[in-house]
N, C-alpha and C. Protein backbone atom coordinates (compact mmCIF):
# COMPACT_ATOMS: atom_id res chain seq x y z
N UNK A 1 26.20 -30.59 51.85
CA UNK A 1 24.76 -30.74 51.97
C UNK A 1 24.40 -32.12 52.54
N UNK A 2 25.06 -33.19 52.09
CA UNK A 2 24.78 -34.53 52.60
C UNK A 2 25.14 -34.61 54.07
N UNK A 3 26.22 -33.94 54.46
CA UNK A 3 26.63 -33.93 55.87
C UNK A 3 25.53 -33.34 56.74
N UNK A 4 24.98 -32.23 56.33
CA UNK A 4 23.91 -31.57 57.10
C UNK A 4 22.68 -32.47 57.16
N UNK A 5 22.32 -33.06 56.05
CA UNK A 5 21.16 -33.97 56.02
C UNK A 5 21.38 -35.16 56.95
N UNK A 6 22.59 -35.72 56.95
CA UNK A 6 22.90 -36.86 57.82
C UNK A 6 22.77 -36.45 59.29
N UNK A 7 23.37 -35.34 59.64
CA UNK A 7 23.32 -34.88 61.04
C UNK A 7 21.89 -34.63 61.47
N UNK A 8 21.09 -34.02 60.61
CA UNK A 8 19.68 -33.77 60.94
C UNK A 8 18.92 -35.08 61.15
N UNK A 9 19.17 -36.07 60.30
CA UNK A 9 18.50 -37.37 60.43
C UNK A 9 18.89 -38.05 61.73
N UNK A 10 20.17 -37.98 62.09
CA UNK A 10 20.67 -38.63 63.29
C UNK A 10 20.18 -37.92 64.56
N UNK A 11 20.05 -36.60 64.51
CA UNK A 11 19.59 -35.84 65.68
C UNK A 11 18.22 -36.32 66.17
N UNK A 12 17.40 -36.82 65.28
CA UNK A 12 16.08 -37.31 65.66
C UNK A 12 16.16 -38.51 66.60
N UNK A 13 17.34 -39.11 66.73
CA UNK A 13 17.54 -40.28 67.58
C UNK A 13 18.46 -39.94 68.76
N UNK A 14 18.42 -38.68 69.18
CA UNK A 14 19.25 -38.22 70.29
C UNK A 14 18.94 -38.91 71.61
N UNK A 15 17.78 -39.55 71.70
CA UNK A 15 17.45 -40.27 72.93
C UNK A 15 18.26 -41.55 73.07
N UNK A 16 18.80 -42.09 71.97
CA UNK A 16 19.61 -43.31 72.04
C UNK A 16 21.06 -43.07 71.63
N UNK A 17 21.31 -42.03 70.85
CA UNK A 17 22.68 -41.74 70.39
C UNK A 17 23.34 -40.77 71.37
N UNK A 18 24.44 -41.23 71.93
CA UNK A 18 25.19 -40.39 72.85
C UNK A 18 25.99 -39.33 72.10
N UNK A 19 26.63 -39.77 70.99
CA UNK A 19 27.42 -38.81 70.21
C UNK A 19 27.80 -39.41 68.85
N UNK A 20 28.14 -38.52 67.94
CA UNK A 20 28.74 -38.91 66.67
C UNK A 20 30.24 -38.86 66.92
N UNK A 21 30.90 -40.02 66.89
CA UNK A 21 32.33 -40.06 67.18
C UNK A 21 33.17 -39.76 65.95
N UNK A 22 32.64 -40.08 64.80
CA UNK A 22 33.40 -39.86 63.56
C UNK A 22 32.41 -39.56 62.45
N UNK A 23 32.77 -38.62 61.60
CA UNK A 23 31.97 -38.34 60.41
C UNK A 23 32.93 -37.89 59.32
N UNK A 24 33.03 -38.69 58.27
CA UNK A 24 33.90 -38.39 57.14
C UNK A 24 33.08 -38.38 55.87
N UNK A 25 33.31 -37.37 55.06
CA UNK A 25 32.60 -37.27 53.79
C UNK A 25 33.61 -36.93 52.71
N UNK A 26 33.57 -37.70 51.62
CA UNK A 26 34.42 -37.39 50.47
C UNK A 26 33.53 -37.30 49.24
N UNK A 27 33.83 -36.34 48.42
CA UNK A 27 33.01 -36.09 47.24
C UNK A 27 33.85 -36.13 45.97
N UNK A 28 33.30 -36.77 44.94
CA UNK A 28 33.88 -36.80 43.61
C UNK A 28 32.74 -36.62 42.63
N UNK A 29 32.80 -35.70 41.77
CA UNK A 29 31.76 -35.43 40.78
C UNK A 29 30.36 -35.80 41.26
N UNK A 30 29.82 -36.95 40.85
CA UNK A 30 28.44 -37.31 41.21
C UNK A 30 28.36 -38.28 42.39
N UNK A 31 29.52 -38.68 42.94
CA UNK A 31 29.54 -39.68 44.01
C UNK A 31 30.00 -39.03 45.31
N UNK A 32 29.26 -39.31 46.38
CA UNK A 32 29.65 -38.87 47.72
C UNK A 32 29.71 -40.09 48.61
N UNK A 33 30.79 -40.20 49.37
CA UNK A 33 30.96 -41.30 50.32
C UNK A 33 30.88 -40.74 51.73
N UNK A 34 30.07 -41.39 52.55
CA UNK A 34 29.90 -40.98 53.93
C UNK A 34 30.27 -42.14 54.84
N UNK A 35 31.08 -41.86 55.85
CA UNK A 35 31.42 -42.84 56.88
C UNK A 35 31.20 -42.17 58.22
N UNK A 36 30.59 -42.91 59.14
CA UNK A 36 30.34 -42.35 60.46
C UNK A 36 30.39 -43.45 61.51
N UNK A 37 30.63 -43.02 62.72
CA UNK A 37 30.58 -43.92 63.88
C UNK A 37 29.70 -43.24 64.91
N UNK A 38 28.61 -43.91 65.25
CA UNK A 38 27.66 -43.38 66.23
C UNK A 38 27.78 -44.19 67.51
N UNK A 39 27.89 -43.51 68.65
CA UNK A 39 27.98 -44.18 69.95
C UNK A 39 26.63 -44.06 70.65
N UNK A 40 26.09 -45.22 71.06
CA UNK A 40 24.82 -45.26 71.77
C UNK A 40 25.03 -45.15 73.28
N UNK A 41 23.97 -44.84 73.98
CA UNK A 41 24.03 -44.64 75.43
C UNK A 41 24.50 -45.87 76.19
N UNK A 42 24.35 -47.06 75.61
CA UNK A 42 24.75 -48.30 76.30
C UNK A 42 26.18 -48.74 75.97
N UNK A 43 26.91 -47.93 75.19
CA UNK A 43 28.29 -48.26 74.85
C UNK A 43 28.44 -48.99 73.53
N UNK A 44 27.34 -49.44 72.91
CA UNK A 44 27.43 -50.06 71.59
C UNK A 44 27.64 -48.97 70.54
N UNK A 45 28.08 -49.37 69.35
CA UNK A 45 28.33 -48.39 68.29
C UNK A 45 27.68 -48.86 66.99
N UNK A 46 27.40 -47.91 66.14
CA UNK A 46 26.90 -48.20 64.80
C UNK A 46 27.88 -47.59 63.81
N UNK A 47 28.49 -48.44 62.98
CA UNK A 47 29.34 -47.96 61.89
C UNK A 47 28.47 -47.79 60.66
N UNK A 48 28.54 -46.63 60.08
CA UNK A 48 27.70 -46.26 58.95
C UNK A 48 28.58 -46.03 57.73
N UNK A 49 28.18 -46.62 56.60
CA UNK A 49 28.83 -46.34 55.32
C UNK A 49 27.73 -46.18 54.29
N UNK A 50 27.71 -45.04 53.64
CA UNK A 50 26.74 -44.80 52.57
C UNK A 50 27.50 -44.25 51.36
N UNK A 51 27.13 -44.73 50.19
CA UNK A 51 27.65 -44.17 48.94
C UNK A 51 26.46 -43.55 48.24
N UNK A 52 26.55 -42.25 48.03
CA UNK A 52 25.48 -41.49 47.39
C UNK A 52 25.83 -41.27 45.92
N UNK A 53 24.84 -41.49 45.08
CA UNK A 53 24.98 -41.25 43.64
C UNK A 53 23.79 -40.40 43.21
N UNK A 54 24.07 -39.25 42.65
CA UNK A 54 23.00 -38.33 42.22
C UNK A 54 22.02 -38.03 43.34
N UNK A 55 22.55 -37.70 44.52
CA UNK A 55 21.74 -37.28 45.67
C UNK A 55 20.88 -38.38 46.29
N UNK A 56 21.15 -39.66 45.96
CA UNK A 56 20.43 -40.78 46.55
C UNK A 56 21.43 -41.82 47.04
N UNK A 57 21.07 -42.52 48.12
CA UNK A 57 21.94 -43.58 48.62
C UNK A 57 21.90 -44.74 47.63
N UNK A 58 23.06 -45.10 47.12
CA UNK A 58 23.19 -46.19 46.16
C UNK A 58 23.58 -47.49 46.86
N UNK A 59 24.53 -47.40 47.76
CA UNK A 59 24.92 -48.59 48.53
C UNK A 59 25.12 -48.17 49.98
N UNK A 60 24.96 -49.14 50.87
CA UNK A 60 25.05 -48.84 52.30
C UNK A 60 25.51 -50.06 53.07
N UNK A 61 26.04 -49.79 54.25
CA UNK A 61 26.24 -50.82 55.27
C UNK A 61 26.14 -50.12 56.62
N UNK A 62 25.43 -50.76 57.52
CA UNK A 62 25.24 -50.27 58.88
C UNK A 62 25.54 -51.45 59.79
N UNK A 63 26.60 -51.34 60.58
CA UNK A 63 26.99 -52.45 61.46
C UNK A 63 26.95 -52.00 62.91
N UNK A 64 26.10 -52.68 63.68
CA UNK A 64 25.89 -52.39 65.10
C UNK A 64 26.76 -53.36 65.89
N UNK A 65 27.68 -52.84 66.66
CA UNK A 65 28.65 -53.67 67.38
C UNK A 65 28.60 -53.44 68.88
N UNK A 66 28.88 -54.50 69.61
CA UNK A 66 29.03 -54.41 71.07
C UNK A 66 30.35 -53.70 71.38
N UNK A 67 30.56 -53.38 72.65
CA UNK A 67 31.79 -52.69 73.03
C UNK A 67 33.03 -53.54 72.79
N UNK A 68 32.88 -54.88 72.71
CA UNK A 68 34.03 -55.76 72.42
C UNK A 68 34.23 -55.97 70.91
N UNK A 69 33.49 -55.16 70.10
CA UNK A 69 33.61 -55.17 68.63
C UNK A 69 32.95 -56.37 67.95
N UNK A 70 32.17 -57.17 68.68
CA UNK A 70 31.43 -58.25 68.02
C UNK A 70 30.14 -57.69 67.44
N UNK A 71 29.73 -58.27 66.33
CA UNK A 71 28.56 -57.76 65.61
C UNK A 71 27.27 -58.21 66.29
N UNK A 72 26.39 -57.24 66.51
CA UNK A 72 25.03 -57.54 66.96
C UNK A 72 24.20 -57.82 65.71
N UNK A 73 24.10 -56.82 64.84
CA UNK A 73 23.42 -56.95 63.54
C UNK A 73 24.14 -56.05 62.55
N UNK A 74 24.28 -56.55 61.32
CA UNK A 74 24.83 -55.74 60.24
C UNK A 74 23.88 -55.75 59.07
N UNK A 75 23.55 -54.57 58.56
CA UNK A 75 22.66 -54.43 57.41
C UNK A 75 23.48 -53.94 56.23
N UNK A 76 23.23 -54.49 55.05
CA UNK A 76 23.87 -53.94 53.85
C UNK A 76 23.14 -54.39 52.60
N UNK A 77 23.54 -53.79 51.48
CA UNK A 77 22.94 -54.17 50.20
C UNK A 77 23.99 -54.61 49.19
N UNK A 78 25.08 -55.21 49.69
CA UNK A 78 26.07 -55.80 48.78
C UNK A 78 25.40 -56.97 48.07
N UNK A 79 25.55 -57.09 46.76
CA UNK A 79 24.80 -58.10 45.99
C UNK A 79 25.43 -59.49 46.03
N UNK A 80 25.58 -60.05 47.23
CA UNK A 80 26.21 -61.36 47.32
C UNK A 80 25.38 -62.45 48.01
N UNK A 81 24.13 -62.19 48.31
CA UNK A 81 23.27 -63.22 48.90
C UNK A 81 21.98 -63.30 48.08
N UNK A 82 22.09 -63.85 46.89
CA UNK A 82 20.99 -63.85 45.93
C UNK A 82 19.80 -64.70 46.37
N UNK A 83 19.99 -65.63 47.28
CA UNK A 83 18.88 -66.48 47.71
C UNK A 83 17.92 -65.77 48.67
N UNK A 84 18.30 -64.64 49.19
CA UNK A 84 17.47 -63.88 50.13
C UNK A 84 16.37 -63.17 49.34
N UNK A 85 15.13 -63.28 49.82
CA UNK A 85 14.00 -62.71 49.08
C UNK A 85 14.06 -61.19 48.98
N UNK A 86 14.79 -60.53 49.86
CA UNK A 86 14.90 -59.07 49.81
C UNK A 86 16.19 -58.63 49.10
N UNK A 87 16.80 -59.56 48.35
CA UNK A 87 18.04 -59.29 47.63
C UNK A 87 17.96 -57.97 46.89
N UNK A 88 18.96 -57.13 46.97
CA UNK A 88 20.26 -57.32 47.62
C UNK A 88 20.27 -56.93 49.10
N UNK A 89 19.14 -56.45 49.62
CA UNK A 89 19.06 -56.01 51.02
C UNK A 89 19.02 -57.21 51.95
N UNK A 90 19.89 -57.22 52.94
CA UNK A 90 19.95 -58.33 53.88
C UNK A 90 20.60 -57.86 55.18
N UNK A 91 20.52 -58.71 56.20
CA UNK A 91 21.21 -58.40 57.45
C UNK A 91 21.93 -59.63 57.97
N UNK A 92 23.01 -59.36 58.66
CA UNK A 92 23.85 -60.38 59.27
C UNK A 92 23.52 -60.41 60.76
N UNK A 93 23.09 -61.56 61.24
CA UNK A 93 22.82 -61.75 62.66
C UNK A 93 23.66 -62.96 63.08
N UNK A 94 24.78 -62.70 63.72
CA UNK A 94 25.72 -63.79 63.98
C UNK A 94 26.21 -64.35 62.66
N UNK A 95 26.13 -65.67 62.52
CA UNK A 95 26.54 -66.33 61.28
C UNK A 95 25.40 -66.44 60.27
N UNK A 96 24.23 -65.98 60.65
CA UNK A 96 23.04 -66.12 59.81
C UNK A 96 22.84 -64.89 58.93
N UNK A 97 22.41 -65.12 57.71
CA UNK A 97 22.01 -64.05 56.79
C UNK A 97 20.49 -64.08 56.72
N UNK A 98 19.85 -62.93 56.89
CA UNK A 98 18.40 -62.88 56.96
C UNK A 98 17.87 -61.78 56.04
N UNK A 99 16.56 -61.83 55.79
CA UNK A 99 15.91 -60.77 55.02
C UNK A 99 16.00 -59.46 55.80
N UNK A 100 15.88 -58.36 55.11
CA UNK A 100 15.94 -57.06 55.77
C UNK A 100 14.95 -56.09 55.17
N UNK A 101 14.15 -55.51 56.04
CA UNK A 101 13.27 -54.43 55.60
C UNK A 101 13.87 -53.07 55.94
N UNK A 102 14.95 -53.06 56.72
CA UNK A 102 15.63 -51.82 57.08
C UNK A 102 16.65 -51.51 55.98
N UNK A 103 16.44 -50.38 55.29
CA UNK A 103 17.25 -50.09 54.10
C UNK A 103 17.86 -48.70 54.09
N UNK A 104 17.77 -47.99 55.21
CA UNK A 104 18.40 -46.68 55.31
C UNK A 104 18.68 -46.38 56.78
N UNK A 105 19.38 -45.30 57.03
CA UNK A 105 19.81 -45.00 58.39
C UNK A 105 18.61 -44.79 59.33
N UNK A 106 17.55 -44.18 58.84
CA UNK A 106 16.39 -43.96 59.71
C UNK A 106 15.75 -45.28 60.13
N UNK A 107 15.61 -46.20 59.20
CA UNK A 107 14.99 -47.49 59.52
C UNK A 107 15.88 -48.32 60.46
N UNK A 108 17.18 -48.25 60.27
CA UNK A 108 18.10 -48.97 61.16
C UNK A 108 18.05 -48.36 62.56
N UNK A 109 18.10 -47.04 62.64
CA UNK A 109 18.04 -46.39 63.95
C UNK A 109 16.68 -46.64 64.62
N UNK A 110 15.61 -46.68 63.84
CA UNK A 110 14.29 -47.01 64.38
C UNK A 110 14.26 -48.43 64.95
N UNK A 111 14.89 -49.36 64.25
CA UNK A 111 14.98 -50.75 64.73
C UNK A 111 15.74 -50.78 66.05
N UNK A 112 16.88 -50.08 66.11
CA UNK A 112 17.70 -50.08 67.33
C UNK A 112 16.94 -49.43 68.47
N UNK A 113 16.25 -48.32 68.18
CA UNK A 113 15.46 -47.65 69.23
C UNK A 113 14.40 -48.62 69.77
N UNK A 114 13.71 -49.32 68.90
CA UNK A 114 12.69 -50.29 69.34
C UNK A 114 13.32 -51.41 70.16
N UNK A 115 14.52 -51.84 69.77
CA UNK A 115 15.23 -52.87 70.52
C UNK A 115 15.49 -52.41 71.95
N UNK A 116 15.92 -51.16 72.10
CA UNK A 116 16.19 -50.62 73.43
C UNK A 116 14.91 -50.46 74.24
N UNK A 117 13.77 -50.40 73.55
CA UNK A 117 12.48 -50.29 74.22
C UNK A 117 12.17 -48.87 74.56
């Protein structure tokens, strides 16, 4: 069910996503782990990791990389940057850690779509 929901959410961004290169889902009792690699039309990729608990995303990381594997922006909610006002939600831009209002795959893909113009 989570796989279908993920694919449906991603399909809405077919104007920027060239293809889903990888999609892995593992399930254990109440926990589901999702990993995906999305390829954009410009050759950049988005690595997606979501951990679902009771049908809701509990933890996430979304890392947008150039074709040479350098990070453009990485979003996650790992609880290790307590000084950020949006703690635990934050984004990595180069060496800088910044606040993040993007907290799910739709918001990240919306940000990337807006970036592409």
